[in-house]
Amino acid sequence: MHYEEWRTIYREILVDFGFSEEEDKAAARLLASLVKSRLPLTVLDSLISGKRVNIFGAGPSLERLERIPQGIAIACDGATSFLLERGTVPEIMVTDLDGRVEDLLEANARGSVVVIHAHGDNMAALRRYAPLFVNVVATTQAEPFDEVYNFGGFTDGDRAVFLAKHFKAGEIYLYGMDFHSEIGRYSFSRDSEKKRKKLVWAERLIKILENRGAPIRWVR
């Protein structure tokens, strides 16, 4: 999704949550200043393009997954902890650094690409943790610039789907994407009310991609 189109959705999100675009922009500039090891987008393209991509959300159904399916694994923040516990290192992690950061760092050290997202609410986490990661792709929900990208999306889960769509995944399978149930323990959420509101947006955004022909398969 081009930014010109995303901007209309983004501004609706800003109004709905009372977020500040200026703070989002400040967070993006901060992240840009902190990243020490940037990853060329050609690496993401080679990982995703034409492949079966399995995206793991942190909903409660994730824990019912008996085996990790074959394909490129994209972990949405806290789902990284689930995968590591089962002996799988995801190829890609999408995070705004509110999961279990020690697990994110472990997976990163073991080869995971990390897509770190900046927004107005996570500047403290960015300052503390962003410089510790390697092979980083930096993202923003505001206007992109230089090597800070905006592939579309709002929460870790739907941003992962937008990422897979952007790089033309052959198939996109969604695991642990539970929008109408209790919040999973791997979400590490501290504000359940805000989390549920974000899940409404996540489902809406994924449905937009699905309605436009993205090869999405829901696994319940």
N, C-alpha and C. Protein backbone atom coordinates (compact mmCIF):
# COMPACT_ATOMS: atom_id res chain seq x y z
N MET A 1 0.84 -1.18 0.00
CA MET A 1 0.00 0.00 0.00
C MET A 1 0.89 1.25 0.00
N HIS A 2 0.67 2.13 -0.98
CA HIS A 2 1.45 3.35 -1.05
C HIS A 2 1.08 4.27 0.13
N TYR A 3 2.04 5.10 0.54
CA TYR A 3 1.80 5.93 1.71
C TYR A 3 0.63 6.88 1.50
N GLU A 4 0.46 7.38 0.29
CA GLU A 4 -0.64 8.31 0.03
C GLU A 4 -1.99 7.68 0.40
N GLU A 5 -2.12 6.39 0.12
CA GLU A 5 -3.35 5.69 0.48
C GLU A 5 -3.38 5.36 1.96
N TRP A 6 -2.24 4.91 2.51
CA TRP A 6 -2.16 4.57 3.93
C TRP A 6 -2.46 5.78 4.80
N ARG A 7 -2.06 6.96 4.35
CA ARG A 7 -2.20 8.17 5.18
C ARG A 7 -3.65 8.41 5.59
N THR A 8 -4.60 8.12 4.71
CA THR A 8 -6.01 8.31 5.04
C THR A 8 -6.42 7.41 6.20
N ILE A 9 -5.98 6.15 6.16
CA ILE A 9 -6.27 5.21 7.24
C ILE A 9 -5.55 5.63 8.51
N TYR A 10 -4.30 6.02 8.36
CA TYR A 10 -3.47 6.41 9.51
C TYR A 10 -4.10 7.57 10.27
N ARG A 11 -4.58 8.55 9.56
CA ARG A 11 -5.17 9.71 10.24
C ARG A 11 -6.46 9.36 10.95
N GLU A 12 -7.17 8.36 10.44
CA GLU A 12 -8.34 7.87 11.15
C GLU A 12 -7.93 7.18 12.46
N ILE A 13 -6.82 6.45 12.41
CA ILE A 13 -6.29 5.80 13.62
C ILE A 13 -5.87 6.85 14.64
N LEU A 14 -5.20 7.90 14.18
CA LEU A 14 -4.76 8.97 15.08
C LEU A 14 -5.95 9.55 15.84
N VAL A 15 -7.03 9.80 15.14
CA VAL A 15 -8.21 10.38 15.77
C VAL A 15 -8.84 9.39 16.74
N ASP A 16 -8.93 8.13 16.34
CA ASP A 16 -9.59 7.12 17.16
C ASP A 16 -8.87 6.91 18.49
N PHE A 17 -7.53 6.95 18.47
CA PHE A 17 -6.76 6.69 19.68
C PHE A 17 -6.25 7.97 20.36
N GLY A 18 -6.39 9.09 19.70
CA GLY A 18 -5.86 10.32 20.27
C GLY A 18 -4.34 10.39 20.20
N PHE A 19 -3.75 9.70 19.23
CA PHE A 19 -2.30 9.70 19.07
C PHE A 19 -1.83 10.98 18.38
N SER A 20 -0.54 11.25 18.49
CA SER A 20 0.06 12.44 17.90
C SER A 20 0.94 12.05 16.72
N GLU A 21 0.65 12.60 15.56
CA GLU A 21 1.49 12.35 14.39
C GLU A 21 2.90 12.90 14.61
N GLU A 22 2.99 14.04 15.27
CA GLU A 22 4.32 14.63 15.53
C GLU A 22 5.15 13.72 16.43
N GLU A 23 4.52 13.09 17.41
CA GLU A 23 5.26 12.17 18.27
C GLU A 23 5.67 10.91 17.50
N ASP A 24 4.81 10.45 16.60
CA ASP A 24 5.19 9.31 15.76
C ASP A 24 6.40 9.67 14.90
N LYS A 25 6.40 10.87 14.35
CA LYS A 25 7.53 11.31 13.53
C LYS A 25 8.80 11.44 14.36
N ALA A 26 8.66 11.95 15.57
CA ALA A 26 9.83 12.08 16.45
C ALA A 26 10.39 10.71 16.80
N ALA A 27 9.51 9.74 17.03
CA ALA A 27 9.97 8.38 17.33
C ALA A 27 10.70 7.79 16.14
N ALA A 28 10.19 8.04 14.93
CA ALA A 28 10.85 7.53 13.73
C ALA A 28 12.25 8.12 13.57
N ARG A 29 12.37 9.41 13.83
CA ARG A 29 13.70 10.04 13.74
C ARG A 29 14.63 9.47 14.80
N LEU A 30 14.10 9.23 15.99
CA LEU A 30 14.90 8.63 17.06
C LEU A 30 15.40 7.25 16.64
N LEU A 31 14.49 6.42 16.13
CA LEU A 31 14.89 5.08 15.71
C LEU A 31 15.97 5.15 14.64
N ALA A 32 15.80 6.05 13.69
CA ALA A 32 16.80 6.19 12.63
C ALA A 32 18.17 6.51 13.19
N SER A 33 18.21 7.28 14.27
CA SER A 33 19.49 7.67 14.86
C SER A 33 20.12 6.55 15.69
N LEU A 34 19.31 5.56 16.07
CA LEU A 34 19.78 4.51 16.99
C LEU A 34 20.21 3.24 16.28
N VAL A 35 19.68 2.99 15.10
CA VAL A 35 19.95 1.73 14.41
C VAL A 35 21.40 1.72 13.92
N LYS A 36 22.12 0.69 14.32
CA LYS A 36 23.54 0.58 13.97
C LYS A 36 23.80 -0.42 12.85
N SER A 37 22.86 -1.31 12.61
CA SER A 37 23.07 -2.38 11.63
C SER A 37 21.82 -2.52 10.77
N ARG A 38 21.79 -1.79 9.68
CA ARG A 38 20.62 -1.80 8.80
C ARG A 38 20.69 -2.96 7.82
N LEU A 39 19.54 -3.48 7.48
CA LEU A 39 19.46 -4.60 6.56
C LEU A 39 18.93 -4.12 5.22
N PRO A 40 19.58 -4.47 4.12
CA PRO A 40 19.04 -4.11 2.80
C PRO A 40 17.69 -4.78 2.57
N LEU A 41 16.77 -4.06 1.95
CA LEU A 41 15.45 -4.63 1.70
C LEU A 41 15.51 -5.82 0.75
N THR A 42 16.59 -5.93 0.00
CA THR A 42 16.73 -7.08 -0.90
C THR A 42 16.74 -8.39 -0.11
N VAL A 43 17.17 -8.35 1.15
CA VAL A 43 17.16 -9.56 1.97
C VAL A 43 15.73 -9.97 2.29
N LEU A 44 14.89 -9.01 2.65
CA LEU A 44 13.48 -9.32 2.90
C LEU A 44 12.82 -9.83 1.63
N ASP A 45 13.15 -9.22 0.52
CA ASP A 45 12.58 -9.66 -0.74
C ASP A 45 12.94 -11.11 -1.04
N SER A 46 14.21 -11.46 -0.81
CA SER A 46 14.65 -12.83 -1.09
C SER A 46 14.02 -13.84 -0.13
N LEU A 47 13.74 -13.41 1.09
CA LEU A 47 13.11 -14.29 2.07
C LEU A 47 11.63 -14.53 1.77
N ILE A 48 10.94 -13.50 1.28
CA ILE A 48 9.49 -13.53 1.22
C ILE A 48 8.94 -13.79 -0.18
N SER A 49 9.51 -13.18 -1.18
CA SER A 49 8.92 -13.18 -2.52
C SER A 49 8.63 -14.60 -3.03
N GLY A 50 7.37 -14.84 -3.35
CA GLY A 50 6.96 -16.12 -3.91
C GLY A 50 6.89 -17.27 -2.93
N LYS A 51 7.21 -17.04 -1.67
CA LYS A 51 7.31 -18.13 -0.67
C LYS A 51 6.00 -18.30 0.10
N ARG A 52 5.87 -19.47 0.73
CA ARG A 52 4.85 -19.64 1.77
C ARG A 52 5.36 -18.95 3.02
N VAL A 53 4.60 -17.99 3.51
CA VAL A 53 4.97 -17.23 4.70
C VAL A 53 3.97 -17.55 5.80
N ASN A 54 4.46 -17.98 6.94
CA ASN A 54 3.62 -18.26 8.10
C ASN A 54 3.79 -17.12 9.10
N ILE A 55 2.71 -16.43 9.39
CA ILE A 55 2.76 -15.31 10.33
C ILE A 55 2.13 -15.75 11.64
N PHE A 56 2.88 -15.60 12.72
CA PHE A 56 2.44 -16.06 14.03
C PHE A 56 2.07 -14.88 14.91
N GLY A 57 0.77 -14.71 15.18
CA GLY A 57 0.32 -13.73 16.14
C GLY A 57 0.41 -14.32 17.54
N ALA A 58 0.03 -13.52 18.52
CA ALA A 58 0.19 -13.95 19.91
C ALA A 58 -1.14 -14.29 20.58
N GLY A 59 -2.15 -14.61 19.79
CA GLY A 59 -3.44 -14.97 20.35
C GLY A 59 -3.41 -16.34 21.01
N PRO A 60 -4.42 -16.67 21.81
CA PRO A 60 -4.43 -17.92 22.57
C PRO A 60 -4.42 -19.17 21.69
N SER A 61 -4.95 -19.11 20.47
CA SER A 61 -4.95 -20.29 19.61
C SER A 61 -3.53 -20.70 19.20
N LEU A 62 -2.58 -19.80 19.34
CA LEU A 62 -1.19 -20.13 19.02
C LEU A 62 -0.72 -21.32 19.84
N GLU A 63 -1.17 -21.39 21.09
CA GLU A 63 -0.70 -22.44 21.99
C GLU A 63 -1.28 -23.80 21.66
N ARG A 64 -2.26 -23.82 20.78
CA ARG A 64 -2.82 -25.10 20.35
C ARG A 64 -2.09 -25.66 19.13
N LEU A 65 -1.13 -24.92 18.65
CA LEU A 65 -0.38 -25.36 17.47
C LEU A 65 0.55 -26.51 17.86
N GLU A 66 0.32 -27.65 17.28
CA GLU A 66 1.06 -28.85 17.66
C GLU A 66 2.43 -28.94 17.01
N ARG A 67 2.58 -28.37 15.82
CA ARG A 67 3.88 -28.36 15.18
C ARG A 67 4.03 -27.06 14.40
N ILE A 68 5.26 -26.65 14.20
CA ILE A 68 5.53 -25.43 13.45
C ILE A 68 5.57 -25.79 11.97
N PRO A 69 4.71 -25.19 11.17
CA PRO A 69 4.64 -25.57 9.75
C PRO A 69 5.86 -25.11 8.97
N GLN A 70 6.11 -25.78 7.85
CA GLN A 70 7.20 -25.40 6.97
C GLN A 70 6.89 -24.07 6.30
N GLY A 71 7.91 -23.29 6.04
CA GLY A 71 7.75 -22.00 5.39
C GLY A 71 8.56 -20.95 6.11
N ILE A 72 8.51 -19.75 5.60
CA ILE A 72 9.19 -18.62 6.22
C ILE A 72 8.36 -18.16 7.41
N ALA A 73 8.96 -18.14 8.59
CA ALA A 73 8.24 -17.76 9.81
C ALA A 73 8.44 -16.28 10.11
N ILE A 74 7.33 -15.56 10.22
CA ILE A 74 7.36 -14.17 10.70
C ILE A 74 6.65 -14.15 12.05
N ALA A 75 7.39 -13.80 13.08
CA ALA A 75 6.84 -13.75 14.43
C ALA A 75 6.43 -12.33 14.77
N CYS A 76 5.22 -12.18 15.29
CA CYS A 76 4.74 -10.88 15.73
C CYS A 76 5.09 -10.70 17.20
N ASP A 77 6.17 -10.01 17.46
CA ASP A 77 6.63 -9.65 18.80
C ASP A 77 6.63 -10.84 19.75
N GLY A 78 5.66 -10.94 20.67
CA GLY A 78 5.68 -11.96 21.70
C GLY A 78 5.61 -13.38 21.19
N ALA A 79 5.10 -13.57 19.95
CA ALA A 79 5.08 -14.91 19.38
C ALA A 79 6.49 -15.47 19.20
N THR A 80 7.48 -14.59 19.17
CA THR A 80 8.87 -15.03 19.12
C THR A 80 9.19 -15.94 20.30
N SER A 81 8.70 -15.59 21.48
CA SER A 81 8.95 -16.39 22.68
C SER A 81 8.35 -17.78 22.52
N PHE A 82 7.14 -17.85 21.99
CA PHE A 82 6.50 -19.14 21.74
C PHE A 82 7.34 -20.01 20.80
N LEU A 83 7.79 -19.42 19.71
CA LEU A 83 8.56 -20.19 18.73
C LEU A 83 9.88 -20.66 19.31
N LEU A 84 10.57 -19.80 20.05
CA LEU A 84 11.83 -20.21 20.65
C LEU A 84 11.63 -21.37 21.63
N GLU A 85 10.56 -21.32 22.39
CA GLU A 85 10.27 -22.39 23.34
C GLU A 85 10.07 -23.73 22.63
N ARG A 86 9.71 -23.67 21.38
CA ARG A 86 9.49 -24.89 20.59
C ARG A 86 10.61 -25.16 19.60
N GLY A 87 11.73 -24.52 19.82
CA GLY A 87 12.93 -24.82 19.06
C GLY A 87 12.99 -24.22 17.68
N THR A 88 12.19 -23.20 17.42
CA THR A 88 12.16 -22.56 16.10
C THR A 88 12.62 -21.11 16.21
N VAL A 89 13.57 -20.74 15.37
CA VAL A 89 14.01 -19.35 15.27
C VAL A 89 13.33 -18.75 14.04
N PRO A 90 12.48 -17.75 14.22
CA PRO A 90 11.80 -17.17 13.05
C PRO A 90 12.78 -16.46 12.14
N GLU A 91 12.50 -16.49 10.86
CA GLU A 91 13.35 -15.75 9.92
C GLU A 91 13.22 -14.25 10.12
N ILE A 92 12.01 -13.81 10.49
CA ILE A 92 11.71 -12.38 10.62
C ILE A 92 10.89 -12.15 11.88
N MET A 93 11.17 -11.07 12.59
CA MET A 93 10.35 -10.63 13.72
C MET A 93 9.85 -9.22 13.44
N VAL A 94 8.58 -8.98 13.73
CA VAL A 94 7.99 -7.66 13.61
C VAL A 94 7.64 -7.21 15.01
N THR A 95 8.20 -6.09 15.47
CA THR A 95 8.07 -5.73 16.88
C THR A 95 8.13 -4.23 17.11
N ASP A 96 7.39 -3.79 18.12
CA ASP A 96 7.57 -2.43 18.63
C ASP A 96 8.20 -2.47 20.03
N LEU A 97 8.81 -3.63 20.33
CA LEU A 97 9.62 -3.81 21.53
C LEU A 97 8.82 -3.81 22.83
N ASP A 98 7.58 -4.29 22.77
CA ASP A 98 6.84 -4.42 24.03
C ASP A 98 6.61 -5.87 24.40
N GLY A 99 7.30 -6.79 23.72
CA GLY A 99 7.27 -8.20 24.09
C GLY A 99 8.40 -8.51 25.06
N ARG A 100 8.81 -9.77 25.09
CA ARG A 100 9.92 -10.18 25.94
C ARG A 100 11.21 -9.91 25.16
N VAL A 101 11.84 -8.78 25.46
CA VAL A 101 12.94 -8.30 24.63
C VAL A 101 14.12 -9.25 24.66
N GLU A 102 14.35 -9.93 25.77
CA GLU A 102 15.48 -10.87 25.82
C GLU A 102 15.31 -11.99 24.80
N ASP A 103 14.07 -12.39 24.53
CA ASP A 103 13.83 -13.41 23.52
C ASP A 103 14.02 -12.85 22.11
N LEU A 104 13.59 -11.62 21.91
CA LEU A 104 13.82 -10.97 20.62
C LEU A 104 15.31 -10.87 20.33
N LEU A 105 16.08 -10.49 21.34
CA LEU A 105 17.53 -10.37 21.17
C LEU A 105 18.17 -11.74 20.91
N GLU A 106 17.68 -12.76 21.59
CA GLU A 106 18.23 -14.10 21.36
C GLU A 106 17.98 -14.55 19.93
N ALA A 107 16.74 -14.38 19.46
CA ALA A 107 16.43 -14.78 18.10
C ALA A 107 17.23 -13.97 17.09
N ASN A 108 17.40 -12.69 17.36
CA ASN A 108 18.19 -11.83 16.48
C ASN A 108 19.64 -12.29 16.42
N ALA A 109 20.20 -12.66 17.56
CA ALA A 109 21.57 -13.16 17.61
C ALA A 109 21.71 -14.49 16.87
N ARG A 110 20.60 -15.22 16.77
CA ARG A 110 20.61 -16.52 16.08
C ARG A 110 20.18 -16.40 14.62
N GLY A 111 20.07 -15.17 14.13
CA GLY A 111 19.86 -14.98 12.70
C GLY A 111 18.57 -14.33 12.27
N SER A 112 17.65 -14.05 13.18
CA SER A 112 16.39 -13.44 12.80
C SER A 112 16.59 -11.98 12.37
N VAL A 113 15.98 -11.64 11.25
CA VAL A 113 15.86 -10.24 10.88
C VAL A 113 14.83 -9.59 11.79
N VAL A 114 15.08 -8.37 12.23
CA VAL A 114 14.12 -7.70 13.10
C VAL A 114 13.62 -6.41 12.44
N VAL A 115 12.30 -6.32 12.33
CA VAL A 115 11.65 -5.13 11.80
C VAL A 115 11.13 -4.34 12.99
N ILE A 116 11.84 -3.29 13.35
CA ILE A 116 11.52 -2.52 14.56
C ILE A 116 10.66 -1.32 14.17
N HIS A 117 9.55 -1.19 14.88
CA HIS A 117 8.58 -0.14 14.57
C HIS A 117 8.66 0.97 15.60
N ALA A 118 8.62 2.20 15.11
CA ALA A 118 8.66 3.38 15.99
C ALA A 118 7.29 4.04 16.03
N HIS A 119 6.82 4.37 17.23
CA HIS A 119 5.62 5.19 17.38
C HIS A 119 5.76 6.01 18.65
N GLY A 120 4.87 6.95 18.82
CA GLY A 120 5.04 7.92 19.90
C GLY A 120 5.08 7.33 21.28
N ASP A 121 4.54 6.11 21.47
CA ASP A 121 4.47 5.51 22.79
C ASP A 121 5.66 4.63 23.16
N ASN A 122 6.58 4.40 22.24
CA ASN A 122 7.65 3.46 22.57
C ASN A 122 9.06 4.05 22.50
N MET A 123 9.16 5.35 22.64
CA MET A 123 10.48 5.98 22.53
C MET A 123 11.44 5.53 23.63
N ALA A 124 10.93 5.30 24.83
CA ALA A 124 11.81 4.83 25.91
C ALA A 124 12.38 3.46 25.57
N ALA A 125 11.54 2.57 25.04
CA ALA A 125 12.02 1.24 24.65
C ALA A 125 13.00 1.33 23.50
N LEU A 126 12.75 2.23 22.56
CA LEU A 126 13.69 2.40 21.45
C LEU A 126 15.06 2.81 21.96
N ARG A 127 15.09 3.77 22.85
CA ARG A 127 16.39 4.24 23.38
C ARG A 127 17.13 3.11 24.09
N ARG A 128 16.39 2.31 24.81
CA ARG A 128 17.02 1.26 25.62
C ARG A 128 17.49 0.07 24.79
N TYR A 129 16.67 -0.32 23.81
CA TYR A 129 16.92 -1.61 23.16
C TYR A 129 17.35 -1.54 21.70
N ALA A 130 16.89 -0.55 20.96
CA ALA A 130 17.16 -0.55 19.51
C ALA A 130 18.64 -0.69 19.16
N PRO A 131 19.55 -0.02 19.89
CA PRO A 131 20.96 -0.15 19.53
C PRO A 131 21.54 -1.55 19.73
N LEU A 132 20.81 -2.43 20.43
CA LEU A 132 21.33 -3.76 20.74
C LEU A 132 21.10 -4.76 19.61
N PHE A 133 20.25 -4.41 18.65
CA PHE A 133 19.89 -5.33 17.58
C PHE A 133 20.78 -5.15 16.35
N VAL A 134 20.92 -6.23 15.60
CA VAL A 134 21.59 -6.19 14.29
C VAL A 134 20.58 -6.62 13.23
N ASN A 135 20.96 -6.40 11.97
CA ASN A 135 20.07 -6.78 10.85
C ASN A 135 18.67 -6.21 11.04
N VAL A 136 18.61 -4.89 11.15
CA VAL A 136 17.39 -4.18 11.48
C VAL A 136 16.79 -3.52 10.23
N VAL A 137 15.47 -3.62 10.11
CA VAL A 137 14.71 -2.78 9.20
C VAL A 137 13.84 -1.88 10.08
N ALA A 138 13.94 -0.59 9.89
CA ALA A 138 13.20 0.37 10.71
C ALA A 138 11.92 0.78 10.01
N THR A 139 10.80 0.84 10.77
CA THR A 139 9.52 1.24 10.19
C THR A 139 8.83 2.29 11.04
N THR A 140 7.91 2.99 10.38
CA THR A 140 7.10 4.02 11.02
C THR A 140 5.68 3.89 10.50
N GLN A 141 4.72 4.40 11.27
CA GLN A 141 3.35 4.46 10.78
C GLN A 141 3.04 5.83 10.19
N ALA A 142 4.00 6.76 10.35
CA ALA A 142 3.88 8.08 9.75
C ALA A 142 4.58 8.08 8.39
N GLU A 143 4.87 9.25 7.86
CA GLU A 143 5.48 9.33 6.54
C GLU A 143 6.90 8.76 6.55
N PRO A 144 7.22 7.85 5.63
CA PRO A 144 8.56 7.26 5.62
C PRO A 144 9.60 8.25 5.11
N PHE A 145 10.85 7.98 5.44
CA PHE A 145 11.94 8.83 4.97
C PHE A 145 13.23 8.02 5.03
N ASP A 146 14.17 8.39 4.16
CA ASP A 146 15.48 7.73 4.12
C ASP A 146 15.32 6.21 4.23
N GLU A 147 15.90 5.60 5.29
CA GLU A 147 15.80 4.15 5.47
C GLU A 147 14.86 3.79 6.61
N VAL A 148 13.85 4.60 6.82
CA VAL A 148 12.75 4.28 7.73
C VAL A 148 11.51 4.10 6.86
N TYR A 149 10.98 2.89 6.83
CA TYR A 149 9.99 2.51 5.84
C TYR A 149 8.58 2.45 6.43
N ASN A 150 7.61 2.50 5.55
CA ASN A 150 6.22 2.31 5.93
C ASN A 150 5.59 1.39 4.89
N PHE A 151 5.42 0.12 5.27
CA PHE A 151 4.81 -0.86 4.37
C PHE A 151 3.30 -0.94 4.60
N GLY A 152 2.80 -0.14 5.55
CA GLY A 152 1.40 -0.20 5.94
C GLY A 152 1.22 -1.02 7.20
N GLY A 153 0.10 -0.78 7.87
CA GLY A 153 -0.20 -1.54 9.07
C GLY A 153 -0.03 -0.74 10.35
N PHE A 154 -0.67 -1.26 11.41
CA PHE A 154 -0.75 -0.54 12.68
C PHE A 154 -0.22 -1.36 13.84
N THR A 155 -0.76 -2.56 14.06
CA THR A 155 -0.26 -3.42 15.14
C THR A 155 0.81 -4.36 14.57
N ASP A 156 1.53 -5.03 15.47
CA ASP A 156 2.55 -5.97 15.00
C ASP A 156 1.96 -7.01 14.04
N GLY A 157 0.77 -7.51 14.38
CA GLY A 157 0.16 -8.56 13.56
C GLY A 157 -0.17 -8.12 12.16
N ASP A 158 -0.92 -7.03 12.04
CA ASP A 158 -1.29 -6.63 10.68
C ASP A 158 -0.11 -6.03 9.93
N ARG A 159 0.86 -5.42 10.64
CA ARG A 159 2.06 -4.95 9.93
C ARG A 159 2.83 -6.10 9.30
N ALA A 160 2.84 -7.25 9.98
CA ALA A 160 3.50 -8.42 9.41
C ALA A 160 2.82 -8.86 8.12
N VAL A 161 1.49 -8.78 8.09
CA VAL A 161 0.75 -9.16 6.90
C VAL A 161 1.02 -8.15 5.77
N PHE A 162 1.02 -6.88 6.10
CA PHE A 162 1.35 -5.87 5.10
C PHE A 162 2.77 -6.08 4.56
N LEU A 163 3.69 -6.45 5.43
CA LEU A 163 5.07 -6.72 5.01
C LEU A 163 5.11 -7.87 4.01
N ALA A 164 4.42 -8.97 4.34
CA ALA A 164 4.39 -10.12 3.45
C ALA A 164 3.75 -9.78 2.11
N LYS A 165 2.68 -9.00 2.15
CA LYS A 165 2.02 -8.57 0.92
C LYS A 165 2.94 -7.67 0.10
N HIS A 166 3.63 -6.74 0.75
CA HIS A 166 4.51 -5.81 0.05
C HIS A 166 5.59 -6.55 -0.72
N PHE A 167 6.15 -7.58 -0.10
CA PHE A 167 7.23 -8.32 -0.74
C PHE A 167 6.72 -9.54 -1.51
N LYS A 168 5.42 -9.54 -1.81
CA LYS A 168 4.81 -10.50 -2.74
C LYS A 168 4.98 -11.96 -2.33
N ALA A 169 4.60 -12.24 -1.09
CA ALA A 169 4.58 -13.63 -0.64
C ALA A 169 3.64 -14.45 -1.53
N GLY A 170 4.02 -15.71 -1.78
CA GLY A 170 3.17 -16.58 -2.58
C GLY A 170 1.91 -16.99 -1.83
N GLU A 171 2.05 -17.29 -0.55
CA GLU A 171 0.94 -17.65 0.33
C GLU A 171 1.22 -17.04 1.69
N ILE A 172 0.16 -16.60 2.36
CA ILE A 172 0.29 -16.00 3.68
C ILE A 172 -0.65 -16.75 4.63
N TYR A 173 -0.08 -17.54 5.53
CA TYR A 173 -0.88 -18.30 6.51
C TYR A 173 -0.80 -17.59 7.86
N LEU A 174 -1.95 -17.40 8.46
CA LEU A 174 -2.03 -16.66 9.73
C LEU A 174 -2.35 -17.61 10.88
N TYR A 175 -1.49 -17.62 11.88
CA TYR A 175 -1.67 -18.43 13.09
C TYR A 175 -1.75 -17.49 14.30
N GLY A 176 -2.57 -17.86 15.26
CA GLY A 176 -2.65 -17.07 16.49
C GLY A 176 -3.22 -15.68 16.29
N MET A 177 -3.98 -15.48 15.23
CA MET A 177 -4.62 -14.19 14.99
C MET A 177 -6.05 -14.27 15.51
N ASP A 178 -6.21 -14.03 16.78
CA ASP A 178 -7.50 -14.16 17.46
C ASP A 178 -8.00 -12.77 17.85
N PHE A 179 -9.00 -12.30 17.13
CA PHE A 179 -9.46 -10.94 17.34
C PHE A 179 -10.70 -10.83 18.23
N HIS A 180 -11.31 -11.97 18.55
CA HIS A 180 -12.58 -11.93 19.30
C HIS A 180 -12.56 -12.85 20.51
N SER A 181 -11.39 -13.11 21.05
CA SER A 181 -11.28 -14.00 22.20
C SER A 181 -10.43 -13.31 23.27
N GLU A 182 -10.12 -14.05 24.31
CA GLU A 182 -9.26 -13.49 25.35
C GLU A 182 -7.88 -13.20 24.78
N ILE A 183 -7.16 -12.32 25.44
CA ILE A 183 -5.83 -11.95 24.98
C ILE A 183 -4.84 -13.04 25.39
N GLY A 184 -4.05 -13.49 24.45
CA GLY A 184 -3.09 -14.57 24.72
C GLY A 184 -1.97 -14.14 25.64
N ARG A 185 -1.41 -15.11 26.36
CA ARG A 185 -0.36 -14.76 27.32
C ARG A 185 0.93 -14.34 26.63
N TYR A 186 1.12 -14.70 25.36
CA TYR A 186 2.32 -14.29 24.65
C TYR A 186 2.23 -12.88 24.09
N SER A 187 1.10 -12.23 24.28
CA SER A 187 0.99 -10.84 23.84
C SER A 187 1.67 -9.90 24.84
N PHE A 188 1.84 -10.38 26.09
CA PHE A 188 2.48 -9.58 27.14
C PHE A 188 1.84 -8.20 27.26
N SER A 189 0.52 -8.15 27.06
CA SER A 189 -0.18 -6.87 27.05
C SER A 189 -0.35 -6.35 28.47
N ARG A 190 -0.15 -5.03 28.64
CA ARG A 190 -0.31 -4.38 29.94
C ARG A 190 -1.60 -3.57 30.02
N ASP A 191 -2.28 -3.39 28.90
CA ASP A 191 -3.49 -2.59 28.86
C ASP A 191 -4.50 -3.34 28.00
N SER A 192 -5.32 -4.17 28.62
CA SER A 192 -6.20 -5.05 27.86
C SER A 192 -7.25 -4.26 27.08
N GLU A 193 -7.74 -3.14 27.62
CA GLU A 193 -8.76 -2.36 26.92
C GLU A 193 -8.20 -1.79 25.61
N LYS A 194 -7.01 -1.18 25.69
CA LYS A 194 -6.40 -0.64 24.48
C LYS A 194 -6.04 -1.77 23.51
N LYS A 195 -5.59 -2.90 24.06
CA LYS A 195 -5.23 -4.03 23.21
C LYS A 195 -6.43 -4.50 22.40
N ARG A 196 -7.58 -4.61 23.02
CA ARG A 196 -8.77 -5.06 22.30
C ARG A 196 -9.16 -4.07 21.21
N LYS A 197 -9.01 -2.80 21.50
CA LYS A 197 -9.31 -1.78 20.48
C LYS A 197 -8.34 -1.89 19.31
N LYS A 198 -7.08 -2.18 19.60
CA LYS A 198 -6.11 -2.36 18.53
C LYS A 198 -6.42 -3.59 17.70
N LEU A 199 -6.93 -4.65 18.35
CA LEU A 199 -7.27 -5.86 17.62
C LEU A 199 -8.40 -5.62 16.62
N VAL A 200 -9.32 -4.74 16.96
CA VAL A 200 -10.38 -4.39 16.02
C VAL A 200 -9.77 -3.79 14.75
N TRP A 201 -8.80 -2.90 14.94
CA TRP A 201 -8.13 -2.29 13.80
C TRP A 201 -7.30 -3.32 13.04
N ALA A 202 -6.62 -4.20 13.75
CA ALA A 202 -5.79 -5.21 13.09
C ALA A 202 -6.63 -6.07 12.16
N GLU A 203 -7.77 -6.53 12.65
CA GLU A 203 -8.64 -7.35 11.81
C GLU A 203 -9.13 -6.56 10.61
N ARG A 204 -9.52 -5.34 10.82
CA ARG A 204 -10.02 -4.50 9.73
C ARG A 204 -8.95 -4.32 8.65
N LEU A 205 -7.72 -4.08 9.06
CA LEU A 205 -6.66 -3.83 8.10
C LEU A 205 -6.29 -5.09 7.32
N ILE A 206 -6.27 -6.22 8.01
CA ILE A 206 -5.98 -7.48 7.30
C ILE A 206 -7.10 -7.78 6.31
N LYS A 207 -8.33 -7.50 6.68
CA LYS A 207 -9.46 -7.74 5.78
C LYS A 207 -9.36 -6.87 4.53
N ILE A 208 -8.82 -5.65 4.68
CA ILE A 208 -8.62 -4.80 3.50
C ILE A 208 -7.71 -5.50 2.49
N LEU A 209 -6.60 -6.04 2.99
CA LEU A 209 -5.67 -6.74 2.11
C LEU A 209 -6.31 -7.99 1.51
N GLU A 210 -7.06 -8.71 2.34
CA GLU A 210 -7.72 -9.93 1.88
C GLU A 210 -8.71 -9.60 0.76
N ASN A 211 -9.47 -8.54 0.93
CA ASN A 211 -10.45 -8.15 -0.07
C ASN A 211 -9.81 -7.67 -1.36
N ARG A 212 -8.54 -7.31 -1.28
CA ARG A 212 -7.82 -6.88 -2.48
C ARG A 212 -7.03 -8.02 -3.12
N GLY A 213 -7.29 -9.22 -2.65
CA GLY A 213 -6.70 -10.36 -3.31
C GLY A 213 -5.41 -10.89 -2.72
N ALA A 214 -5.01 -10.40 -1.55
CA ALA A 214 -3.82 -10.95 -0.90
C ALA A 214 -4.06 -12.43 -0.60
N PRO A 215 -3.07 -13.29 -0.83
CA PRO A 215 -3.26 -14.74 -0.67
C PRO A 215 -3.23 -15.19 0.78
N ILE A 216 -4.21 -14.73 1.56
CA ILE A 216 -4.24 -14.95 3.00
C ILE A 216 -5.06 -16.19 3.34
N ARG A 217 -4.51 -17.01 4.23
CA ARG A 217 -5.22 -18.20 4.70
C ARG A 217 -5.25 -18.14 6.24
N TRP A 218 -6.43 -18.16 6.82
CA TRP A 218 -6.59 -18.11 8.26
C TRP A 218 -6.54 -19.53 8.82
N VAL A 219 -5.70 -19.76 9.79
CA VAL A 219 -5.61 -21.07 10.44
C VAL A 219 -6.09 -20.90 11.87
N ARG A 220 -7.19 -21.52 12.23
CA ARG A 220 -7.79 -21.34 13.55
C ARG A 220 -7.36 -22.49 14.47
